[in-house]
Protein backbone atom coordinates (compact mmCIF):
# COMPACT_ATOMS: atom_id res chain seq x y z
CA ASP A 1 15.35 4.85 2.52
CA GLY A 2 11.88 4.14 1.10
CA GLY A 3 8.94 1.91 2.59
CA GLY A 4 6.25 0.15 2.41
CA ILE A 5 4.31 3.15 0.23
CA TYR A 6 5.91 5.37 -1.52
CA THR A 7 5.77 8.82 -2.92
CA LEU A 8 7.99 11.40 -4.49
CA SER A 9 6.76 15.13 -5.80
CA ASN A 10 3.51 16.89 -5.69
CA GLN A 11 0.09 14.70 -6.55
CA PRO A 12 -2.87 16.91 -6.85
CA ASN A 13 -5.57 15.95 -5.10
CA SER A 14 -4.28 11.97 -5.43
CA LEU A 15 -5.64 9.37 -3.46
CA CYS A 16 -4.12 6.63 -1.34
CA SER A 17 -7.20 4.22 0.26
CA SER A 18 -7.03 0.69 0.87
CA ASN A 19 -4.14 -0.87 1.64
CA TYR A 20 -2.76 -3.07 3.47
CA CYS A 21 1.52 -2.35 3.78
CA VAL A 22 3.60 -5.02 5.90
CA SER A 23 7.27 -3.60 5.68
CA LYS A 24 10.88 -4.12 8.10
CA CYS A 25 10.94 0.17 7.49
CA ARG A 26 8.77 3.15 7.19
CA GLY A 27 4.92 1.42 6.51
CA LEU A 28 3.79 4.83 4.96
CA TYR A 29 7.00 7.61 3.06
CA PHE A 30 6.64 10.45 2.21
CA ASP A 31 9.67 12.04 0.09
CA GLU A 32 11.41 14.73 -1.67
CA GLY A 33 7.90 17.19 -2.36
CA THR A 34 5.32 14.54 -1.99
CA GLY A 35 1.91 17.66 -1.57
CA HIS A 36 -1.21 17.63 -1.78
CA TYR A 37 -1.72 13.94 -0.64
CA SER A 38 -4.86 11.73 1.39
CA ILE A 39 -3.91 8.86 2.53
CA SER A 40 -6.94 7.07 4.34
CA LYS A 41 -8.02 3.96 5.86
CA ASN A 42 -4.83 2.31 4.60
CA VAL A 43 -2.93 -0.33 7.57
CA ALA A 44 0.88 -0.02 7.92
CA GLU A 45 2.28 -2.77 9.79
CA SER A 46 5.79 -1.38 10.11
CA GLY A 47 9.38 -1.71 11.87
CA HIS A 48 10.02 2.11 12.44
CA ASP A 49 7.58 4.94 11.58
CA TRP A 50 4.68 4.11 10.26
CA ILE A 51 4.30 7.16 8.42
CA ASN A 52 7.44 9.02 7.49
CA ILE A 53 6.69 13.05 6.62
CA TRP A 54 10.31 14.12 7.35
CA ASN A 55 10.96 17.17 5.99
CA PRO A 56 8.72 20.95 5.52
CA LYS A 57 9.12 20.76 1.74
CA GLN A 58 5.98 17.52 2.37
CA ASN A 59 2.93 20.12 2.22
CA ASN A 60 -0.18 19.83 2.10
CA LEU A 61 -0.43 15.98 2.93
CA ARG A 62 -4.04 14.89 5.04
CA ALA A 63 -3.65 10.70 7.00
CA GLU A 64 -6.91 10.53 8.48
CA ASP A 65 -9.35 7.21 9.39
CA ASN A 66 -5.87 4.60 8.98
CA TYR A 67 -4.78 2.05 11.55
CA SER A 68 -1.22 1.24 12.44
CA SER A 69 1.77 -1.69 14.68
CA THR A 70 3.29 0.93 16.11
CA PHE A 71 2.90 4.50 18.00
CA MET A 72 6.24 5.96 15.97
CA GLN A 73 5.94 8.36 13.55
CA THR A 74 7.26 11.41 12.24
CA ASN A 75 5.45 14.81 11.17
CA LYS A 76 8.16 17.44 9.42
CA GLY A 77 5.57 18.94 6.69
CA THR A 78 4.04 22.34 6.19
CA ASN A 79 0.12 21.91 6.26
CA CYS A 80 0.57 18.52 6.77
CA ILE A 81 -2.46 16.68 9.31
CA ILE A 82 -2.42 12.72 10.71
CA LYS A 83 -5.61 12.07 12.78
CA ASN A 84 -7.98 9.92 14.38
CA THR A 85 -5.59 7.20 14.07
CA ILE A 86 -6.00 3.63 15.87
CA PHE A 87 -2.94 1.90 16.94
CA VAL A 88 -3.07 -1.40 17.25
CA PRO A 89 0.25 -2.66 18.73
CA ASP A 90 -1.08 -6.05 19.30
CA LYS A 91 -1.80 -6.57 15.48
CA ASN A 92 -5.13 -7.65 17.55
CA TRP A 93 -7.23 -5.80 14.44
CA PRO A 94 -10.16 -4.61 14.83
CA GLN A 95 -12.77 -5.55 11.97
CA GLU A 96 -12.82 -2.54 9.22
CA ALA A 97 -8.44 -3.63 9.61
CA GLN A 98 -9.27 -6.64 9.08
CA GLU A 99 -12.03 -6.35 5.87
CA ILE A 100 -8.76 -4.27 4.76
CA ILE A 101 -6.35 -7.10 4.68
CA ARG A 102 -8.65 -10.23 4.11
CA THR A 103 -9.62 -8.31 0.63
CA LEU A 104 -6.23 -7.47 -0.55
CA LYS A 105 -4.68 -11.37 0.88
CA ILE A 106 -7.48 -12.93 -2.11
CA ASN A 107 -5.30 -11.14 -4.70
């Protein structure tokens, strides 16, 4: 259970942006009742779903303009939108994704 980025519960107006996560499991994992949360411009390398919205209790989530090394994703949430995902299975990341990765590797 879990992922590179894990959320729990309702989080009005929250934003997760410009992260690079590497996980043998899931990339972005929304757990029990996560709601009103947005993710954008993240890079996810995962061994399973790049994003996991696994049940109708997750609601009003928006995932837009993210990068993923896998096509696998789950969206069983209520009023949840996943759009403009750029899939890069060979991990030959486009320039914007490389900038996100490079910025985070400096730290």
